[in-house]
Amino acid sequence: MNRISTSLFVAVTAFAGLALHAEDFQPLMKATQTTWPAKLHLGVICDFNASRDEVMALAKAAGEGAFITVADTRRVEQAVPAAHLIANRKADYLVLLPGDRMFRDGSFGATLAISQLGQRGVPAIGTTPVALKQGAVFSLGDGTRGELLVTDRLIGTVDVILPNRELAQKSTLVLREKGMATIAVLPSE
């Protein structure tokens, strides 16, 4: 009996840990869709294999009709080419994934990508306060405790409407599921 209760405790703890680390992109996407209703093309820079669950959660939150271009990038040295790939594919904005090991909010790779995209007129959004320090235009998520944080200074040549504080290269993989955004995963050169 003791062995069963110990196993059950370990299983419950593991699932609880997973739930704590899963980002809820619904509030971020709601703020984005309210602020930029015509912008349906999202860019993401990440190691797709490691961040697949977060990309799928983002696709679900973005909903049908949205399109996500993923620059599948595994090294920080690929930040600039990945940013150019996102800009060349005409993404409307970049979404930082909080769980990606190289391109999460606060990482050096994300800072490089945001800077490059800002110079190309593509804004970035995140889920933690540190994303604003990197140049993201706004941030909303678990890391902000549900509070919408908006930058007071834009970096680069980004020309966007900020939310109200009160409120074709060859794809290697295309994912489509009912009720979710379409995802195209492209290798970063």
Protein backbone atom coordinates (compact mmCIF):
# COMPACT_ATOMS: atom_id res chain seq x y z
CA MET A 1 0.00 0.00 0.00
CA ASN A 2 2.82 2.39 0.83
CA ARG A 3 4.40 1.78 -2.58
CA ILE A 4 1.13 2.68 -4.35
CA SER A 5 0.69 5.92 -2.39
CA THR A 6 4.32 6.89 -3.06
CA SER A 7 3.90 6.23 -6.79
CA LEU A 8 0.67 8.19 -6.84
CA PHE A 9 2.33 11.12 -5.04
CA VAL A 10 5.20 11.15 -7.57
CA ALA A 11 2.76 11.08 -10.50
CA VAL A 12 0.63 13.90 -9.08
CA THR A 13 3.73 15.99 -8.36
CA ALA A 14 5.02 15.45 -11.90
CA PHE A 15 1.73 16.50 -13.49
CA ALA A 16 1.47 19.52 -11.19
CA GLY A 17 4.98 20.56 -12.20
CA LEU A 18 4.05 20.33 -15.87
CA ALA A 19 0.97 22.45 -15.30
CA LEU A 20 3.03 25.11 -13.54
CA HIS A 21 5.42 25.38 -16.48
CA ALA A 22 2.81 25.46 -19.24
CA GLU A 23 2.26 29.02 -20.46
CA ASP A 24 -1.29 30.12 -21.10
CA PHE A 25 -1.12 32.23 -24.26
CA GLN A 26 -4.86 33.05 -24.23
CA PRO A 27 -4.52 36.47 -22.50
CA LEU A 28 -1.57 37.44 -24.73
CA MET A 29 -3.43 36.48 -27.91
CA LYS A 30 -6.60 38.23 -26.75
CA ALA A 31 -4.66 41.47 -26.17
CA THR A 32 -2.94 41.06 -29.54
CA GLN A 33 -6.17 40.38 -31.43
CA THR A 34 -7.86 43.36 -29.73
CA THR A 35 -4.95 45.68 -30.52
CA TRP A 36 -4.01 44.34 -33.97
CA PRO A 37 -7.09 42.53 -35.34
CA ALA A 38 -5.71 42.41 -38.90
CA LYS A 39 -2.33 40.95 -37.87
CA LEU A 40 -2.68 37.17 -38.12
CA HIS A 41 0.87 36.11 -39.04
CA LEU A 42 2.96 35.30 -35.97
CA GLY A 43 6.69 34.63 -35.97
CA VAL A 44 8.44 32.38 -33.46
CA ILE A 45 12.14 31.64 -33.07
CA CYS A 46 12.82 28.47 -31.09
CA ASP A 47 14.19 24.97 -31.03
CA PHE A 48 11.00 23.42 -32.38
CA ASN A 49 11.65 19.92 -31.05
CA ALA A 50 12.17 21.23 -27.51
CA SER A 51 9.42 23.88 -27.66
CA ARG A 52 6.79 21.98 -29.64
CA ASP A 53 4.25 22.00 -26.78
CA GLU A 54 4.53 25.78 -26.37
CA VAL A 55 4.17 26.33 -30.11
CA MET A 56 1.06 24.14 -30.11
CA ALA A 57 -0.36 26.06 -27.12
CA LEU A 58 0.30 29.33 -28.97
CA ALA A 59 -1.40 27.96 -32.10
CA LYS A 60 -4.43 26.96 -30.07
CA ALA A 61 -4.61 30.41 -28.46
CA ALA A 62 -4.13 32.19 -31.82
CA GLY A 63 -7.00 30.19 -33.31
CA GLU A 64 -8.08 29.30 -36.81
CA GLY A 65 -7.17 31.80 -39.47
CA ALA A 66 -3.85 32.69 -37.86
CA PHE A 67 -0.54 31.54 -39.32
CA ILE A 68 2.66 30.87 -37.37
CA THR A 69 6.07 30.82 -39.01
CA VAL A 70 8.60 29.04 -36.80
CA ALA A 71 12.30 29.60 -37.42
CA ASP A 72 13.65 26.30 -36.09
CA THR A 73 16.84 27.51 -34.42
CA ARG A 74 19.06 25.71 -31.95
CA ARG A 75 22.03 28.06 -31.46
CA VAL A 76 22.30 31.70 -30.41
CA GLU A 77 24.57 32.33 -33.42
CA GLN A 78 21.52 31.74 -35.62
CA ALA A 79 19.52 34.60 -34.05
CA VAL A 80 20.17 37.14 -36.81
CA PRO A 81 19.45 34.76 -39.73
CA ALA A 82 16.34 33.53 -37.90
CA ALA A 83 15.14 37.10 -37.42
CA HIS A 84 15.67 37.83 -41.11
CA LEU A 85 13.76 34.64 -41.99
CA ILE A 86 10.81 35.80 -39.87
CA ALA A 87 10.92 39.30 -41.43
CA ASN A 88 11.30 37.95 -44.98
CA ARG A 89 8.29 35.69 -44.47
CA LYS A 90 6.32 38.88 -43.61
CA ALA A 91 5.37 37.95 -40.04
CA ASP A 92 3.35 40.70 -38.39
CA TYR A 93 5.05 40.23 -35.01
CA LEU A 94 7.35 37.92 -33.05
CA VAL A 95 6.11 35.98 -30.02
CA LEU A 96 8.74 35.02 -27.45
CA LEU A 97 8.23 31.59 -25.90
CA PRO A 98 9.06 31.67 -22.19
CA GLY A 99 10.26 28.06 -22.10
CA ASP A 100 12.67 28.00 -25.05
CA ARG A 101 16.23 27.50 -23.85
CA MET A 102 17.90 29.90 -26.35
CA PHE A 103 15.24 32.42 -27.37
CA ARG A 104 13.04 32.94 -24.28
CA ASP A 105 12.28 36.28 -22.66
CA GLY A 106 15.52 37.64 -21.21
CA SER A 107 17.91 35.52 -23.26
CA PHE A 108 20.74 36.98 -25.32
CA GLY A 109 19.41 35.24 -28.45
CA ALA A 110 16.00 36.87 -28.04
CA THR A 111 17.62 40.29 -27.55
CA LEU A 112 19.53 39.89 -30.83
CA ALA A 113 16.41 38.75 -32.68
CA ILE A 114 14.23 41.56 -31.29
CA SER A 115 16.83 44.15 -32.27
CA GLN A 116 17.09 42.81 -35.82
CA LEU A 117 13.32 42.57 -36.22
CA GLY A 118 12.83 46.06 -34.77
CA GLN A 119 15.10 47.43 -37.49
CA ARG A 120 12.92 45.65 -40.05
CA GLY A 121 9.68 47.01 -38.54
CA VAL A 122 8.50 43.78 -36.89
CA PRO A 123 7.48 44.17 -33.23
CA ALA A 124 7.97 41.54 -30.55
CA ILE A 125 5.71 40.54 -27.66
CA GLY A 126 6.45 38.45 -24.60
CA THR A 127 5.05 36.99 -21.42
CA THR A 128 7.41 38.40 -18.78
CA PRO A 129 8.51 41.90 -17.68
CA VAL A 130 12.07 41.34 -18.89
CA ALA A 131 10.78 41.15 -22.48
CA LEU A 132 10.08 44.91 -22.34
CA LYS A 133 13.70 45.60 -21.40
CA GLN A 134 14.74 43.62 -24.47
CA GLY A 135 12.55 45.71 -26.78
CA ALA A 136 9.20 43.92 -26.81
CA VAL A 137 6.26 46.30 -27.29
CA PHE A 138 4.10 44.61 -24.67
CA SER A 139 4.04 41.62 -22.39
CA LEU A 140 1.22 39.67 -20.79
CA GLY A 141 1.23 36.22 -19.26
CA ASP A 142 2.05 34.10 -16.27
CA GLY A 143 5.30 36.05 -15.78
CA THR A 144 3.43 39.36 -15.48
CA ARG A 145 0.82 37.82 -13.14
CA GLY A 146 -1.86 38.64 -15.70
CA GLU A 147 -0.99 42.35 -15.86
CA LEU A 148 -0.60 43.93 -19.31
CA LEU A 149 2.79 45.66 -19.42
CA VAL A 150 3.39 48.13 -22.27
CA THR A 151 6.73 49.65 -23.24
CA ASP A 152 7.37 53.35 -22.87
CA ARG A 153 10.12 53.24 -25.48
CA LEU A 154 10.20 51.44 -28.80
CA ILE A 155 13.42 50.04 -30.22
CA GLY A 156 14.18 50.19 -33.95
CA THR A 157 11.72 51.35 -36.57
CA VAL A 158 8.69 49.52 -35.27
CA ASP A 159 5.51 51.44 -36.05
CA VAL A 160 2.66 49.80 -34.16
CA ILE A 161 -0.40 50.66 -32.17
CA LEU A 162 0.23 49.79 -28.55
CA PRO A 163 -2.52 48.14 -26.51
CA ASN A 164 -4.50 50.19 -24.08
CA ARG A 165 -3.04 49.72 -20.60
CA GLU A 166 -6.54 49.16 -19.29
CA LEU A 167 -7.81 46.55 -21.09
CA ALA A 168 8.02 31.42 -49.48
CA GLN A 169 10.87 29.44 -48.45
CA LYS A 170 10.37 25.71 -48.38
CA SER A 171 8.71 24.52 -45.21
CA THR A 172 9.99 21.37 -43.62
CA LEU A 173 6.79 20.84 -41.64
CA VAL A 174 3.30 22.29 -41.78
CA LEU A 175 0.89 21.48 -38.95
CA ARG A 176 -2.86 22.07 -39.11
CA GLU A 177 -5.45 21.13 -36.55
CA LYS A 178 -9.05 22.21 -36.25
CA GLY A 179 -9.43 25.31 -34.10
CA MET A 180 -5.70 26.13 -34.22
CA ALA A 181 -3.43 28.39 -36.22
CA THR A 182 -1.51 26.81 -39.09
CA ILE A 183 2.17 26.31 -38.22
CA ALA A 184 5.00 26.29 -40.77
CA VAL A 185 8.38 25.19 -39.36
CA LEU A 186 11.36 26.44 -41.36
CA PRO A 187 15.02 25.61 -40.77
CA SER A 188 17.13 28.59 -39.78
CA GLU A 189 20.27 28.72 -41.92
